[in-house]
Amino acid sequence: MLQDYRLIRNYQAMTDAMVDMWQRGYRSDDLRLIIDGYILALRTQSTFEPFELRRLEDEAIRFLHDSANFEPPVPQPETLPRY
């Protein structure tokens, strides 16, 4: 679990981008390359410790492997109030 707010913000940005790219037609292999590139960019900035980046990468891969994250939401039928 991510604790640092900066890691959480990067995780949210990465996962939002993955969902957006999935909706545009990219698939798992492409998204894995996105994760690798994002982590590499963070690593070259030297903002985070290596163990933090590893944890971020693990969480992003876990997100990628969960197919429920890429399914479109099912709208709930609207019920009218009874009078």
C-alpha atoms as a PDB file:
ATOM      1  CA  MET A   1       0.000   0.000   0.000  1.00  0.00           C
ATOM      2  CA  LEU A   2       1.265   3.424  -0.911  1.00  0.00           C
ATOM      3  CA  GLN A   3       1.723   5.861   1.964  1.00  0.00           C
ATOM      4  CA  ASP A   4       3.478   8.926   0.563  1.00  0.00           C
ATOM      5  CA  TYR A   5       1.087  11.466  -0.944  1.00  0.00           C
ATOM      6  CA  ARG A   6       3.494  12.069  -3.842  1.00  0.00           C
ATOM      7  CA  LEU A   7       3.480   8.360  -4.693  1.00  0.00           C
ATOM      8  CA  ILE A   8      -0.301   8.285  -4.472  1.00  0.00           C
ATOM      9  CA  ARG A   9      -0.586  11.235  -6.858  1.00  0.00           C
ATOM     10  CA  ASN A  10       1.754   9.555  -9.333  1.00  0.00           C
ATOM     11  CA  TYR A  11      -0.187   6.285  -9.003  1.00  0.00           C
ATOM     12  CA  GLN A  12      -3.454   8.088  -9.701  1.00  0.00           C
ATOM     13  CA  ALA A  13      -2.001   9.883 -12.715  1.00  0.00           C
ATOM     14  CA  MET A  14      -0.559   6.645 -14.074  1.00  0.00           C
ATOM     15  CA  THR A  15      -3.739   4.604 -13.617  1.00  0.00           C
ATOM     16  CA  ASP A  16      -5.923   7.382 -15.061  1.00  0.00           C
ATOM     17  CA  ALA A  17      -3.671   7.467 -18.107  1.00  0.00           C
ATOM     18  CA  MET A  18      -3.846   3.673 -18.441  1.00  0.00           C
ATOM     19  CA  VAL A  19      -7.657   3.680 -18.399  1.00  0.00           C
ATOM     20  CA  ASP A  20      -7.710   6.519 -20.933  1.00  0.00           C
ATOM     21  CA  MET A  21      -5.304   4.698 -23.228  1.00  0.00           C
ATOM     22  CA  TRP A  22      -7.300   1.459 -22.874  1.00  0.00           C
ATOM     23  CA  GLN A  23     -10.409   3.303 -24.029  1.00  0.00           C
ATOM     24  CA  ARG A  24      -8.457   4.604 -27.029  1.00  0.00           C
ATOM     25  CA  GLY A  25      -7.568   1.065 -28.105  1.00  0.00           C
ATOM     26  CA  TYR A  26      -4.230   0.311 -26.463  1.00  0.00           C
ATOM     27  CA  ARG A  27      -3.887  -3.093 -24.806  1.00  0.00           C
ATOM     28  CA  SER A  28      -1.975  -4.693 -21.932  1.00  0.00           C
ATOM     29  CA  ASP A  29       1.418  -4.888 -23.625  1.00  0.00           C
ATOM     30  CA  ASP A  30       1.261  -1.219 -24.575  1.00  0.00           C
ATOM     31  CA  LEU A  31       0.149  -0.237 -21.092  1.00  0.00           C
ATOM     32  CA  ARG A  32       3.026  -2.194 -19.577  1.00  0.00           C
ATOM     33  CA  LEU A  33       5.411  -0.097 -21.685  1.00  0.00           C
ATOM     34  CA  ILE A  34       3.708   3.027 -20.364  1.00  0.00           C
ATOM     35  CA  ILE A  35       4.294   1.852 -16.794  1.00  0.00           C
ATOM     36  CA  ASP A  36       7.954   1.145 -17.563  1.00  0.00           C
ATOM     37  CA  GLY A  37       8.428   4.570 -19.130  1.00  0.00           C
ATOM     38  CA  TYR A  38       6.698   6.366 -16.286  1.00  0.00           C
ATOM     39  CA  ILE A  39       8.780   4.575 -13.662  1.00  0.00           C
ATOM     40  CA  LEU A  40      11.951   5.258 -15.637  1.00  0.00           C
ATOM     41  CA  ALA A  41      11.108   8.965 -15.792  1.00  0.00           C
ATOM     42  CA  LEU A  42      10.569   9.049 -12.029  1.00  0.00           C
ATOM     43  CA  ARG A  43      13.803   7.121 -11.478  1.00  0.00           C
ATOM     44  CA  THR A  44      15.833   9.626 -13.505  1.00  0.00           C
ATOM     45  CA  GLN A  45      14.392  12.493 -11.456  1.00  0.00           C
ATOM     46  CA  SER A  46      15.723  10.865  -8.267  1.00  0.00           C
ATOM     47  CA  THR A  47      12.681  12.109  -6.378  1.00  0.00           C
ATOM     48  CA  PHE A  48      11.872   8.770  -4.767  1.00  0.00           C
ATOM     49  CA  GLU A  49      13.846   6.004  -3.140  1.00  0.00           C
ATOM     50  CA  PRO A  50      14.258   2.795  -5.184  1.00  0.00           C
ATOM     51  CA  PHE A  51      12.020   0.802  -2.825  1.00  0.00           C
ATOM     52  CA  GLU A  52       9.252   3.413  -3.249  1.00  0.00           C
ATOM     53  CA  LEU A  53       9.464   3.156  -7.017  1.00  0.00           C
ATOM     54  CA  ARG A  54       9.327  -0.618  -6.798  1.00  0.00           C
ATOM     55  CA  ARG A  55       6.205  -0.405  -4.646  1.00  0.00           C
ATOM     56  CA  LEU A  56       4.637   2.046  -7.119  1.00  0.00           C
ATOM     57  CA  GLU A  57       5.454  -0.267 -10.006  1.00  0.00           C
ATOM     58  CA  ASP A  58       3.983  -3.277  -8.179  1.00  0.00           C
ATOM     59  CA  GLU A  59       0.752  -1.402  -7.477  1.00  0.00           C
ATOM     60  CA  ALA A  60       0.482  -0.231 -11.090  1.00  0.00           C
ATOM     61  CA  ILE A  61       1.012  -3.773 -12.387  1.00  0.00           C
ATOM     62  CA  ARG A  62      -1.614  -5.049  -9.955  1.00  0.00           C
ATOM     63  CA  PHE A  63      -3.986  -2.405 -11.339  1.00  0.00           C
ATOM     64  CA  LEU A  64      -3.167  -3.469 -14.895  1.00  0.00           C
ATOM     65  CA  HIS A  65      -3.867  -7.147 -14.213  1.00  0.00           C
ATOM     66  CA  ASP A  66      -7.274  -6.472 -12.640  1.00  0.00           C
ATOM     67  CA  SER A  67      -9.663  -6.569 -15.589  1.00  0.00           C
ATOM     68  CA  ALA A  68     -12.430  -4.869 -13.593  1.00  0.00           C
ATOM     69  CA  ASN A  69     -10.489  -1.602 -13.860  1.00  0.00           C
ATOM     70  CA  PHE A  70     -10.974  -1.495 -17.629  1.00  0.00           C
ATOM     71  CA  GLU A  71     -14.631  -2.491 -17.895  1.00  0.00           C
ATOM     72  CA  PRO A  72     -17.075   0.279 -18.718  1.00  0.00           C
ATOM     73  CA  PRO A  73     -19.381   1.110 -15.829  1.00  0.00           C
ATOM     74  CA  VAL A  74     -22.833  -0.428 -16.000  1.00  0.00           C
ATOM     75  CA  PRO A  75     -25.479   2.231 -15.550  1.00  0.00           C
ATOM     76  CA  GLN A  76     -28.011   1.550 -12.829  1.00  0.00           C
ATOM     77  CA  PRO A  77     -31.657   1.806 -13.845  1.00  0.00           C
ATOM     78  CA  GLU A  78     -33.293   4.867 -12.435  1.00  0.00           C
ATOM     79  CA  THR A  79     -36.217   4.119 -10.200  1.00  0.00           C
ATOM     80  CA  LEU A  80     -39.002   6.607  -9.861  1.00  0.00           C
ATOM     81  CA  PRO A  81     -40.288   7.353  -6.378  1.00  0.00           C
ATOM     82  CA  ARG A  82     -43.694   5.954  -5.531  1.00  0.00           C
ATOM     83  CA  TYR A  83     -46.297   8.345  -4.238  1.00  0.00           C
END
